[in-house]
Amino acid sequence: MLEWGAVNEGDVIVAKGKEDKGTLLANNGNVMVEGKEKSMQVWLKEVFGWSSVQTYVFAVHEESGKTLSQIREEYMEQEKFIVE
């Protein structure tokens, strides 16, 4: 999604329903949380205390208020019309 420009380096990602936040990094899609680089999957598992988590469903783009899943769906739908 970074390559598409749907989200950008420095965007803040919030754990859905929580106050925990991470800053999106450009090089690999990881997040910076409290000065530590973590994969979004690892970070969200820590936040929720779960053994697994649907990353795109539980990661919310702070600026838009949309989950990464919603952003991805909207982008794919937009691209579908451009291709057709």
PDB file of N, CA and C in Angstrom:
ATOM      1  N   MET A   1       0.815  -1.188   0.000  1.00  0.00           N
ATOM      2  CA  MET A   1       0.000   0.000   0.000  1.00  0.00           C
ATOM      3  C   MET A   1       0.862   1.256   0.000  1.00  0.00           C
ATOM      4  N   LEU A   2       2.063   1.127   0.544  1.00  0.00           N
ATOM      5  CA  LEU A   2       3.012   2.238   0.470  1.00  0.00           C
ATOM      6  C   LEU A   2       3.387   2.521  -0.979  1.00  0.00           C
ATOM      7  N   GLU A   3       3.655   1.468  -1.733  1.00  0.00           N
ATOM      8  CA  GLU A   3       4.038   1.636  -3.138  1.00  0.00           C
ATOM      9  C   GLU A   3       2.919   2.267  -3.949  1.00  0.00           C
ATOM     10  N   TRP A   4       1.696   1.975  -3.606  1.00  0.00           N
ATOM     11  CA  TRP A   4       0.542   2.529  -4.315  1.00  0.00           C
ATOM     12  C   TRP A   4       0.325   3.993  -3.970  1.00  0.00           C
ATOM     13  N   GLY A   5       0.840   4.433  -2.831  1.00  0.00           N
ATOM     14  CA  GLY A   5       0.568   5.787  -2.361  1.00  0.00           C
ATOM     15  C   GLY A   5      -0.728   5.877  -1.579  1.00  0.00           C
ATOM     16  N   ALA A   6      -1.303   4.723  -1.240  1.00  0.00           N
ATOM     17  CA  ALA A   6      -2.553   4.707  -0.468  1.00  0.00           C
ATOM     18  C   ALA A   6      -2.302   5.121   0.980  1.00  0.00           C
ATOM     19  N   VAL A   7      -1.109   4.830   1.479  1.00  0.00           N
ATOM     20  CA  VAL A   7      -0.641   5.294   2.785  1.00  0.00           C
ATOM     21  C   VAL A   7       0.784   5.782   2.586  1.00  0.00           C
ATOM     22  N   ASN A   8       1.281   6.553   3.511  1.00  0.00           N
ATOM     23  CA  ASN A   8       2.599   7.163   3.341  1.00  0.00           C
ATOM     24  C   ASN A   8       3.477   6.981   4.573  1.00  0.00           C
ATOM     25  N   GLU A   9       4.766   7.040   4.333  1.00  0.00           N
ATOM     26  CA  GLU A   9       5.722   7.035   5.434  1.00  0.00           C
ATOM     27  C   GLU A   9       5.364   8.163   6.391  1.00  0.00           C
ATOM     28  N   GLY A  10       5.396   7.863   7.673  1.00  0.00           N
ATOM     29  CA  GLY A  10       5.090   8.873   8.673  1.00  0.00           C
ATOM     30  C   GLY A  10       3.629   8.905   9.087  1.00  0.00           C
ATOM     31  N   ASP A  11       2.767   8.209   8.340  1.00  0.00           N
ATOM     32  CA  ASP A  11       1.363   8.147   8.737  1.00  0.00           C
ATOM     33  C   ASP A  11       1.260   7.427  10.078  1.00  0.00           C
ATOM     34  N   VAL A  12       0.318   7.854  10.885  1.00  0.00           N
ATOM     35  CA  VAL A  12       0.117   7.243  12.198  1.00  0.00           C
ATOM     36  C   VAL A  12      -0.941   6.149  12.069  1.00  0.00           C
ATOM     37  N   ILE A  13      -0.610   4.993  12.621  1.00  0.00           N
ATOM     38  CA  ILE A  13      -1.512   3.852  12.627  1.00  0.00           C
ATOM     39  C   ILE A  13      -1.935   3.620  14.075  1.00  0.00           C
ATOM     40  N   VAL A  14      -3.232   3.466  14.289  1.00  0.00           N
ATOM     41  CA  VAL A  14      -3.785   3.260  15.626  1.00  0.00           C
ATOM     42  C   VAL A  14      -4.348   1.847  15.706  1.00  0.00           C
ATOM     43  N   ALA A  15      -4.128   1.179  16.833  1.00  0.00           N
ATOM     44  CA  ALA A  15      -4.729  -0.129  17.055  1.00  0.00           C
ATOM     45  C   ALA A  15      -6.225   0.084  17.269  1.00  0.00           C
ATOM     46  N   LYS A  16      -7.055  -0.606  16.498  1.00  0.00           N
ATOM     47  CA  LYS A  16      -8.502  -0.410  16.509  1.00  0.00           C
ATOM     48  C   LYS A  16      -9.070  -0.538  17.931  1.00  0.00           C
ATOM     49  N   GLY A  17      -9.778   0.500  18.347  1.00  0.00           N
ATOM     50  CA  GLY A  17     -10.420   0.502  19.647  1.00  0.00           C
ATOM     51  C   GLY A  17      -9.474   0.761  20.811  1.00  0.00           C
ATOM     52  N   LYS A  18      -8.231   1.078  20.504  1.00  0.00           N
ATOM     53  CA  LYS A  18      -7.225   1.328  21.543  1.00  0.00           C
ATOM     54  C   LYS A  18      -6.619   2.712  21.320  1.00  0.00           C
ATOM     55  N   GLU A  19      -5.766   3.129  22.230  1.00  0.00           N
ATOM     56  CA  GLU A  19      -5.073   4.402  22.071  1.00  0.00           C
ATOM     57  C   GLU A  19      -3.641   4.209  21.601  1.00  0.00           C
ATOM     58  N   ASP A  20      -3.200   2.961  21.475  1.00  0.00           N
ATOM     59  CA  ASP A  20      -1.831   2.653  21.052  1.00  0.00           C
ATOM     60  C   ASP A  20      -1.617   3.084  19.606  1.00  0.00           C
ATOM     61  N   LYS A  21      -0.469   3.735  19.363  1.00  0.00           N
ATOM     62  CA  LYS A  21      -0.171   4.261  18.025  1.00  0.00           C
ATOM     63  C   LYS A  21       1.230   3.879  17.600  1.00  0.00           C
ATOM     64  N   GLY A  22       1.395   3.766  16.290  1.00  0.00           N
ATOM     65  CA  GLY A  22       2.704   3.544  15.702  1.00  0.00           C
ATOM     66  C   GLY A  22       2.835   4.416  14.468  1.00  0.00           C
ATOM     67  N   THR A  23       4.060   4.728  14.102  1.00  0.00           N
ATOM     68  CA  THR A  23       4.314   5.544  12.910  1.00  0.00           C
ATOM     69  C   THR A  23       4.820   4.635  11.808  1.00  0.00           C
ATOM     70  N   LEU A  24       4.179   4.716  10.663  1.00  0.00           N
ATOM     71  CA  LEU A  24       4.501   3.855   9.528  1.00  0.00           C
ATOM     72  C   LEU A  24       5.868   4.200   8.942  1.00  0.00           C
ATOM     73  N   LEU A  25       6.675   3.175   8.741  1.00  0.00           N
ATOM     74  CA  LEU A  25       7.999   3.346   8.138  1.00  0.00           C
ATOM     75  C   LEU A  25       7.938   2.985   6.662  1.00  0.00           C
ATOM     76  N   ALA A  26       8.729   3.667   5.850  1.00  0.00           N
ATOM     77  CA  ALA A  26       8.655   3.493   4.399  1.00  0.00           C
ATOM     78  C   ALA A  26       9.375   2.251   3.896  1.00  0.00           C
ATOM     79  N   ASN A  27      10.482   1.921   4.501  1.00  0.00           N
ATOM     80  CA  ASN A  27      11.330   0.889   3.907  1.00  0.00           C
ATOM     81  C   ASN A  27      10.711  -0.496   3.892  1.00  0.00           C
ATOM     82  N   ASN A  28       9.837  -0.815   4.846  1.00  0.00           N
ATOM     83  CA  ASN A  28       9.317  -2.177   4.908  1.00  0.00           C
ATOM     84  C   ASN A  28       7.894  -2.281   5.438  1.00  0.00           C
ATOM     85  N   GLY A  29       7.245  -1.162   5.693  1.00  0.00           N
ATOM     86  CA  GLY A  29       5.880  -1.196   6.203  1.00  0.00           C
ATOM     87  C   GLY A  29       5.790  -1.489   7.685  1.00  0.00           C
ATOM     88  N   ASN A  30       6.936  -1.540   8.364  1.00  0.00           N
ATOM     89  CA  ASN A  30       6.918  -1.705   9.807  1.00  0.00           C
ATOM     90  C   ASN A  30       6.468  -0.409  10.450  1.00  0.00           C
ATOM     91  N   VAL A  31       6.268  -0.449  11.765  1.00  0.00           N
ATOM     92  CA  VAL A  31       5.901   0.754  12.505  1.00  0.00           C
ATOM     93  C   VAL A  31       6.947   1.034  13.579  1.00  0.00           C
ATOM     94  N   MET A  32       7.087   2.302  13.896  1.00  0.00           N
ATOM     95  CA  MET A  32       7.961   2.726  14.985  1.00  0.00           C
ATOM     96  C   MET A  32       7.049   2.979  16.180  1.00  0.00           C
ATOM     97  N   VAL A  33       7.308   2.243  17.256  1.00  0.00           N
ATOM     98  CA  VAL A  33       6.491   2.344  18.459  1.00  0.00           C
ATOM     99  C   VAL A  33       7.419   2.563  19.648  1.00  0.00           C
ATOM    100  N   GLU A  34       7.245   3.682  20.312  1.00  0.00           N
ATOM    101  CA  GLU A  34       8.066   4.015  21.478  1.00  0.00           C
ATOM    102  C   GLU A  34       9.557   3.833  21.196  1.00  0.00           C
ATOM    103  N   GLY A  35       9.987   4.298  20.028  1.00  0.00           N
ATOM    104  CA  GLY A  35      11.398   4.263  19.660  1.00  0.00           C
ATOM    105  C   GLY A  35      11.908   2.920  19.172  1.00  0.00           C
ATOM    106  N   LYS A  36      11.007   1.935  19.025  1.00  0.00           N
ATOM    107  CA  LYS A  36      11.412   0.612  18.546  1.00  0.00           C
ATOM    108  C   LYS A  36      10.676   0.273  17.258  1.00  0.00           C
ATOM    109  N   GLU A  37      11.430  -0.273  16.295  1.00  0.00           N
ATOM    110  CA  GLU A  37      10.822  -0.708  15.047  1.00  0.00           C
ATOM    111  C   GLU A  37      10.253  -2.111  15.229  1.00  0.00           C
ATOM    112  N   LYS A  38       8.991  -2.265  14.835  1.00  0.00           N
ATOM    113  CA  LYS A  38       8.316  -3.556  14.950  1.00  0.00           C
ATOM    114  C   LYS A  38       7.475  -3.795  13.701  1.00  0.00           C
ATOM    115  N   SER A  39       7.275  -5.069  13.383  1.00  0.00           N
ATOM    116  CA  SER A  39       6.322  -5.361  12.316  1.00  0.00           C
ATOM    117  C   SER A  39       4.939  -5.003  12.852  1.00  0.00           C
ATOM    118  N   MET A  40       4.049  -4.614  11.977  1.00  0.00           N
ATOM    119  CA  MET A  40       2.709  -4.256  12.404  1.00  0.00           C
ATOM    120  C   MET A  40       2.026  -5.454  13.070  1.00  0.00           C
ATOM    121  N   GLN A  41       2.281  -6.643  12.546  1.00  0.00           N
ATOM    122  CA  GLN A  41       1.703  -7.876  13.094  1.00  0.00           C
ATOM    123  C   GLN A  41       2.142  -8.084  14.556  1.00  0.00           C
ATOM    124  N   VAL A  42       3.445  -7.985  14.797  1.00  0.00           N
ATOM    125  CA  VAL A  42       3.976  -8.168  16.157  1.00  0.00           C
ATOM    126  C   VAL A  42       3.412  -7.108  17.092  1.00  0.00           C
ATOM    127  N   TRP A  43       3.426  -5.873  16.662  1.00  0.00           N
ATOM    128  CA  TRP A  43       2.925  -4.772  17.485  1.00  0.00           C
ATOM    129  C   TRP A  43       1.463  -4.995  17.866  1.00  0.00           C
ATOM    130  N   LEU A  44       0.617  -5.317  16.894  1.00  0.00           N
ATOM    131  CA  LEU A  44      -0.807  -5.506  17.181  1.00  0.00           C
ATOM    132  C   LEU A  44      -1.049  -6.716  18.073  1.00  0.00           C
ATOM    133  N   LYS A  45      -0.294  -7.781  17.891  1.00  0.00           N
ATOM    134  CA  LYS A  45      -0.431  -8.940  18.771  1.00  0.00           C
ATOM    135  C   LYS A  45      -0.093  -8.555  20.209  1.00  0.00           C
ATOM    136  N   GLU A  46       0.934  -7.732  20.379  1.00  0.00           N
ATOM    137  CA  GLU A  46       1.302  -7.254  21.718  1.00  0.00           C
ATOM    138  C   GLU A  46       0.194  -6.381  22.313  1.00  0.00           C
ATOM    139  N   VAL A  47      -0.345  -5.471  21.516  1.00  0.00           N
ATOM    140  CA  VAL A  47      -1.381  -4.553  21.993  1.00  0.00           C
ATOM    141  C   VAL A  47      -2.619  -5.318  22.452  1.00  0.00           C
ATOM    142  N   PHE A  48      -3.055  -6.269  21.638  1.00  0.00           N
ATOM    143  CA  PHE A  48      -4.292  -6.991  21.941  1.00  0.00           C
ATOM    144  C   PHE A  48      -4.068  -8.220  22.825  1.00  0.00           C
ATOM    145  N   GLY A  49      -2.819  -8.671  22.932  1.00  0.00           N
ATOM    146  CA  GLY A  49      -2.538  -9.850  23.739  1.00  0.00           C
ATOM    147  C   GLY A  49      -2.995 -11.140  23.085  1.00  0.00           C
ATOM    148  N   TRP A  50      -3.069 -11.116  21.767  1.00  0.00           N
ATOM    149  CA  TRP A  50      -3.540 -12.281  21.013  1.00  0.00           C
ATOM    150  C   TRP A  50      -2.358 -13.006  20.386  1.00  0.00           C
ATOM    151  N   SER A  51      -2.559 -14.278  20.041  1.00  0.00           N
ATOM    152  CA  SER A  51      -1.504 -15.045  19.373  1.00  0.00           C
ATOM    153  C   SER A  51      -1.481 -14.762  17.871  1.00  0.00           C
ATOM    154  N   SER A  52      -2.580 -14.256  17.343  1.00  0.00           N
ATOM    155  CA  SER A  52      -2.626 -13.843  15.935  1.00  0.00           C
ATOM    156  C   SER A  52      -3.634 -12.703  15.808  1.00  0.00           C
ATOM    157  N   VAL A  53      -3.488 -11.943  14.733  1.00  0.00           N
ATOM    158  CA  VAL A  53      -4.378 -10.798  14.524  1.00  0.00           C
ATOM    159  C   VAL A  53      -4.458 -10.512  13.031  1.00  0.00           C
ATOM    160  N   GLN A  54      -5.627 -10.118  12.571  1.00  0.00           N
ATOM    161  CA  GLN A  54      -5.792  -9.708  11.176  1.00  0.00           C
ATOM    162  C   GLN A  54      -5.309  -8.258  11.083  1.00  0.00           C
ATOM    163  N   THR A  55      -4.085  -8.117  10.658  1.00  0.00           N
ATOM    164  CA  THR A  55      -3.413  -6.823  10.692  1.00  0.00           C
ATOM    165  C   THR A  55      -4.228  -5.715  10.030  1.00  0.00           C
ATOM    166  N   TYR A  56      -4.686  -5.923   8.808  1.00  0.00           N
ATOM    167  CA  TYR A  56      -5.369  -4.853   8.080  1.00  0.00           C
ATOM    168  C   TYR A  56      -6.734  -4.516   8.670  1.00  0.00           C
ATOM    169  N   VAL A  57      -7.324  -5.434   9.431  1.00  0.00           N
ATOM    170  CA  VAL A  57      -8.627  -5.191  10.051  1.00  0.00           C
ATOM    171  C   VAL A  57      -8.476  -4.398  11.346  1.00  0.00           C
ATOM    172  N   PHE A  58      -7.358  -4.607  12.060  1.00  0.00           N
ATOM    173  CA  PHE A  58      -7.181  -3.978  13.363  1.00  0.00           C
ATOM    174  C   PHE A  58      -6.191  -2.824  13.365  1.00  0.00           C
ATOM    175  N   ALA A  59      -5.731  -2.409  12.187  1.00  0.00           N
ATOM    176  CA  ALA A  59      -4.855  -1.241  12.056  1.00  0.00           C
ATOM    177  C   ALA A  59      -5.656  -0.115  11.406  1.00  0.00           C
ATOM    178  N   VAL A  60      -5.769   0.989  12.106  1.00  0.00           N
ATOM    179  CA  VAL A  60      -6.563   2.127  11.625  1.00  0.00           C
ATOM    180  C   VAL A  60      -5.633   3.281  11.259  1.00  0.00           C
ATOM    181  N   HIS A  61      -5.817   3.801  10.067  1.00  0.00           N
ATOM    182  CA  HIS A  61      -5.074   4.971   9.594  1.00  0.00           C
ATOM    183  C   HIS A  61      -5.660   6.184  10.311  1.00  0.00           C
ATOM    184  N   GLU A  62      -4.867   6.795  11.182  1.00  0.00           N
ATOM    185  CA  GLU A  62      -5.392   7.858  12.048  1.00  0.00           C
ATOM    186  C   GLU A  62      -6.018   9.012  11.270  1.00  0.00           C
ATOM    187  N   GLU A  63      -5.355   9.478  10.234  1.00  0.00           N
ATOM    188  CA  GLU A  63      -5.834  10.651   9.496  1.00  0.00           C
ATOM    189  C   GLU A  63      -7.201  10.424   8.856  1.00  0.00           C
ATOM    190  N   SER A  64      -7.395   9.253   8.245  1.00  0.00           N
ATOM    191  CA  SER A  64      -8.654   8.982   7.552  1.00  0.00           C
ATOM    192  C   SER A  64      -9.691   8.306   8.444  1.00  0.00           C
ATOM    193  N   GLY A  65      -9.243   7.665   9.521  1.00  0.00           N
ATOM    194  CA  GLY A  65     -10.163   6.934  10.382  1.00  0.00           C
ATOM    195  C   GLY A  65     -10.586   5.595   9.807  1.00  0.00           C
ATOM    196  N   LYS A  66      -9.942   5.192   8.713  1.00  0.00           N
ATOM    197  CA  LYS A  66     -10.289   3.933   8.035  1.00  0.00           C
ATOM    198  C   LYS A  66      -9.277   2.851   8.386  1.00  0.00           C
ATOM    199  N   THR A  67      -9.764   1.612   8.420  1.00  0.00           N
ATOM    200  CA  THR A  67      -8.834   0.508   8.621  1.00  0.00           C
ATOM    201  C   THR A  67      -8.008   0.343   7.347  1.00  0.00           C
ATOM    202  N   LEU A  68      -6.858  -0.291   7.477  1.00  0.00           N
ATOM    203  CA  LEU A  68      -6.043  -0.542   6.289  1.00  0.00           C
ATOM    204  C   LEU A  68      -6.794  -1.431   5.312  1.00  0.00           C
ATOM    205  N   SER A  69      -7.649  -2.289   5.822  1.00  0.00           N
ATOM    206  CA  SER A  69      -8.471  -3.126   4.969  1.00  0.00           C
ATOM    207  C   SER A  69      -9.417  -2.274   4.110  1.00  0.00           C
ATOM    208  N   GLN A  70     -10.045  -1.285   4.720  1.00  0.00           N
ATOM    209  CA  GLN A  70     -10.944  -0.392   3.973  1.00  0.00           C
ATOM    210  C   GLN A  70     -10.168   0.407   2.927  1.00  0.00           C
ATOM    211  N   ILE A  71      -9.003   0.901   3.297  1.00  0.00           N
ATOM    212  CA  ILE A  71      -8.184   1.666   2.348  1.00  0.00           C
ATOM    213  C   ILE A  71      -7.786   0.792   1.179  1.00  0.00           C
ATOM    214  N   ARG A  72      -7.383  -0.441   1.456  1.00  0.00           N
ATOM    215  CA  ARG A  72      -6.995  -1.370   0.393  1.00  0.00           C
ATOM    216  C   ARG A  72      -8.177  -1.651  -0.538  1.00  0.00           C
ATOM    217  N   GLU A  73      -9.357  -1.901   0.048  1.00  0.00           N
ATOM    218  CA  GLU A  73     -10.551  -2.166  -0.765  1.00  0.00           C
ATOM    219  C   GLU A  73     -10.876  -0.987  -1.671  1.00  0.00           C
ATOM    220  N   GLU A  74     -10.843   0.216  -1.116  1.00  0.00           N
ATOM    221  CA  GLU A  74     -11.144   1.418  -1.903  1.00  0.00           C
ATOM    222  C   GLU A  74     -10.134   1.600  -3.022  1.00  0.00           C
ATOM    223  N   TYR A  75      -8.876   1.360  -2.729  1.00  0.00           N
ATOM    224  CA  TYR A  75      -7.843   1.494  -3.757  1.00  0.00           C
ATOM    225  C   TYR A  75      -8.069   0.481  -4.865  1.00  0.00           C
ATOM    226  N   MET A  76      -8.336  -0.764  -4.498  1.00  0.00           N
ATOM    227  CA  MET A  76      -8.540  -1.809  -5.505  1.00  0.00           C
ATOM    228  C   MET A  76      -9.767  -1.508  -6.363  1.00  0.00           C
ATOM    229  N   GLU A  77     -10.808  -1.002  -5.746  1.00  0.00           N
ATOM    230  CA  GLU A  77     -12.025  -0.650  -6.494  1.00  0.00           C
ATOM    231  C   GLU A  77     -11.733   0.495  -7.464  1.00  0.00           C
ATOM    232  N   GLN A  78     -10.988   1.482  -7.021  1.00  0.00           N
ATOM    233  CA  GLN A  78     -10.608   2.611  -7.870  1.00  0.00           C
ATOM    234  C   GLN A  78      -9.762   2.139  -9.048  1.00  0.00           C
ATOM    235  N   GLU A  79      -8.797   1.270  -8.780  1.00  0.00           N
ATOM    236  CA  GLU A  79      -7.933   0.748  -9.828  1.00  0.00           C
ATOM    237  C   GLU A  79      -8.709  -0.085 -10.838  1.00  0.00           C
ATOM    238  N   LYS A  80      -9.726  -0.776 -10.367  1.00  0.00           N
ATOM    239  CA  LYS A  80     -10.567  -1.589 -11.248  1.00  0.00           C
ATOM    240  C   LYS A  80     -11.209  -0.699 -12.320  1.00  0.00           C
ATOM    241  N   PHE A  81     -11.688   0.466 -11.932  1.00  0.00           N
ATOM    242  CA  PHE A  81     -12.326   1.371 -12.874  1.00  0.00           C
ATOM    243  C   PHE A  81     -11.307   2.008 -13.807  1.00  0.00           C
ATOM    244  N   ILE A  82     -10.108   2.241 -13.324  1.00  0.00           N
ATOM    245  CA  ILE A  82      -9.073   2.832 -14.165  1.00  0.00           C
ATOM    246  C   ILE A  82      -8.651   1.841 -15.255  1.00  0.00           C
ATOM    247  N   VAL A  83      -8.541   0.573 -14.880  1.00  0.00           N
ATOM    248  CA  VAL A  83      -8.118  -0.475 -15.825  1.00  0.00           C
ATOM    249  C   VAL A  83      -9.193  -0.733 -16.865  1.00  0.00           C
ATOM    250  N   GLU A  84     -10.448  -0.700 -16.444  1.00  0.00           N
ATOM    251  CA  GLU A  84     -11.555  -0.976 -17.376  1.00  0.00           C
ATOM    252  C   GLU A  84     -11.680   0.181 -18.306  1.00  0.00           C
TER     253      GLU A  84
END
